[in-house]
Amino acid sequence: MLEPLRLDEVRQWLKKADEDLRLAEVAHKAGMYGPATFHWQQAAEKALKAFPIARERGFRKTHNLEEIGTACAQLEPSLRQIAEEAATLTTYAWEFRYPGSPREIEEQEAVQALRRASLVFHEILRRLPPEASP
């Protein structure tokens, strides 16, 4: 069981991840695939960051989901596949956020990002105590 302050911090990270998932859904439904993929990347990042906090470990400030996911998999080897899925979302943190993006995101790519971000979020939740859920 997590001590109350740590539980609160984990819950806050997961709440922010959940908000990003919901914001991404709104953007996706509006056909704004770039903003949707950004928020899906953010949801996966925040969910992954909640995991080391729950295990009383820190993490380096980064948007690199391969790095964060690897750290999570070192704490819980069953997260290795989830970490690999998450890593594919990394570039959405910056690649489509600014003018001059290299290309437009198609709906199918956005749907794949949704699938990956949701998988990451729910697999992290599954490995945390139920009281950590947002």
Protein backbone atom coordinates (compact mmCIF):
# COMPACT_ATOMS: atom_id res chain seq x y z
CA MET A 1 0.00 0.00 0.00
CA LEU A 2 1.25 3.48 -0.86
CA GLU A 3 1.68 6.04 1.86
CA PRO A 4 -0.85 8.90 1.55
CA LEU A 5 1.44 11.59 0.09
CA ARG A 6 2.89 9.24 -2.51
CA LEU A 7 -0.58 7.94 -3.36
CA ASP A 8 -1.76 11.51 -3.86
CA GLU A 9 1.16 12.30 -6.17
CA VAL A 10 0.58 9.16 -8.24
CA ARG A 11 -3.12 9.95 -8.46
CA GLN A 12 -2.33 13.51 -9.64
CA TRP A 13 -0.10 12.21 -12.46
CA LEU A 14 -2.79 9.73 -13.50
CA LYS A 15 -5.49 12.41 -13.35
CA LYS A 16 -3.44 14.58 -15.72
CA ALA A 17 -2.90 11.58 -17.99
CA ASP A 18 -6.65 10.92 -18.03
CA GLU A 19 -7.32 14.58 -18.88
CA ASP A 20 -4.89 14.35 -21.79
CA LEU A 21 -6.67 11.24 -23.06
CA ARG A 22 -9.99 13.08 -22.97
CA LEU A 23 -8.58 16.22 -24.62
CA ALA A 24 -7.13 14.06 -27.37
CA GLU A 25 -10.53 12.48 -27.99
CA VAL A 26 -12.09 15.93 -28.45
CA ALA A 27 -9.33 16.98 -30.87
CA HIS A 28 -9.60 13.68 -32.76
CA LYS A 29 -13.35 14.00 -33.18
CA ALA A 30 -12.79 17.53 -34.55
CA GLY A 31 -10.32 16.16 -37.11
CA MET A 32 -7.36 17.84 -35.42
CA TYR A 33 -5.00 14.87 -35.54
CA GLY A 34 -1.79 16.74 -34.65
CA PRO A 35 -3.15 18.07 -31.34
CA ALA A 36 -4.78 14.69 -30.68
CA THR A 37 -1.50 12.81 -31.06
CA PHE A 38 0.28 15.37 -28.86
CA HIS A 39 -2.20 14.79 -26.04
CA TRP A 40 -2.02 11.01 -26.47
CA GLN A 41 1.76 11.23 -26.16
CA GLN A 42 1.32 13.34 -23.03
CA ALA A 43 -1.15 10.85 -21.55
CA ALA A 44 1.29 7.98 -22.04
CA GLU A 45 4.17 10.05 -20.64
CA LYS A 46 2.28 11.04 -17.49
CA ALA A 47 1.00 7.52 -16.88
CA LEU A 48 4.52 6.11 -17.26
CA LYS A 49 5.93 8.73 -14.89
CA ALA A 50 3.37 7.74 -12.26
CA PHE A 51 4.81 4.23 -12.13
CA PRO A 52 8.30 5.01 -10.76
CA ILE A 53 6.76 7.44 -8.30
CA ALA A 54 4.57 4.62 -6.99
CA ARG A 55 7.72 2.47 -6.66
CA GLU A 56 9.49 5.26 -4.74
CA ARG A 57 11.80 6.07 -7.64
CA GLY A 58 12.29 9.30 -9.50
CA PHE A 59 12.73 10.01 -13.20
CA ARG A 60 14.66 12.47 -15.28
CA LYS A 61 12.67 15.30 -16.84
CA THR A 62 12.26 14.20 -20.42
CA HIS A 63 9.59 13.62 -23.06
CA ASN A 64 11.46 10.58 -24.37
CA LEU A 65 9.06 7.70 -23.80
CA GLU A 66 11.69 5.13 -24.69
CA GLU A 67 13.79 6.34 -21.76
CA ILE A 68 10.86 6.53 -19.33
CA GLY A 69 9.46 3.21 -20.51
CA THR A 70 12.83 1.50 -20.12
CA ALA A 71 13.03 2.78 -16.53
CA CYS A 72 9.55 1.39 -15.86
CA ALA A 73 10.44 -1.98 -17.42
CA GLN A 74 13.50 -2.19 -15.18
CA LEU A 75 11.19 -1.85 -12.18
CA GLU A 76 8.56 -4.21 -13.63
CA PRO A 77 9.78 -6.47 -16.48
CA SER A 78 6.20 -7.18 -17.58
CA LEU A 79 6.08 -3.56 -18.82
CA ARG A 80 8.72 -4.16 -21.52
CA GLN A 81 6.20 -4.55 -24.36
CA ILE A 82 4.19 -1.56 -23.10
CA ALA A 83 7.39 0.50 -23.03
CA GLU A 84 8.05 -0.41 -26.66
CA GLU A 85 4.52 0.65 -27.63
CA ALA A 86 4.94 3.92 -25.74
CA ALA A 87 8.28 4.72 -27.39
CA THR A 88 6.56 5.07 -30.77
CA LEU A 89 4.62 8.06 -29.40
CA THR A 90 7.70 10.10 -28.44
CA THR A 91 7.94 12.32 -31.52
CA TYR A 92 4.35 13.49 -31.11
CA ALA A 93 5.57 15.61 -28.16
CA TRP A 94 7.10 18.08 -30.61
CA GLU A 95 7.00 17.02 -34.25
CA PHE A 96 3.52 18.27 -35.08
CA ARG A 97 3.16 21.06 -32.51
CA TYR A 98 4.75 23.88 -34.47
CA PRO A 99 4.58 25.41 -37.95
CA GLY A 100 6.73 23.62 -40.49
CA SER A 101 5.73 20.09 -39.50
CA PRO A 102 7.27 17.55 -41.86
CA ARG A 103 3.85 16.20 -42.89
CA GLU A 104 0.21 16.00 -41.88
CA ILE A 105 -1.03 13.22 -39.66
CA GLU A 106 -3.64 11.00 -41.26
CA GLU A 107 -6.59 9.65 -39.28
CA GLN A 108 -5.28 6.06 -39.33
CA GLU A 109 -2.03 7.18 -37.68
CA ALA A 110 -4.01 9.09 -35.05
CA VAL A 111 -6.09 5.98 -34.33
CA GLN A 112 -2.88 3.99 -33.81
CA ALA A 113 -1.62 6.65 -31.39
CA LEU A 114 -4.93 6.44 -29.50
CA ARG A 115 -4.63 2.67 -29.23
CA ARG A 116 -1.07 2.86 -27.93
CA ALA A 117 -1.72 5.66 -25.43
CA SER A 118 -4.82 3.91 -24.07
CA LEU A 119 -2.90 0.65 -23.75
CA VAL A 120 -0.08 2.35 -21.84
CA PHE A 121 -2.49 4.17 -19.52
CA HIS A 122 -4.56 1.09 -18.71
CA GLU A 123 -1.57 -1.25 -18.30
CA ILE A 124 0.02 1.18 -15.84
CA LEU A 125 -3.29 1.46 -13.94
CA ARG A 126 -3.51 -2.35 -13.83
CA ARG A 127 -0.15 -2.52 -12.06
CA LEU A 128 -0.94 0.09 -9.44
CA PRO A 129 -3.17 -0.21 -6.38
CA PRO A 130 -6.84 0.49 -7.19
CA GLU A 131 -6.86 3.52 -4.89
CA ALA A 132 -4.36 5.21 -7.25
CA SER A 133 -6.95 5.44 -10.03
CA PRO A 134 -7.94 9.00 -10.90
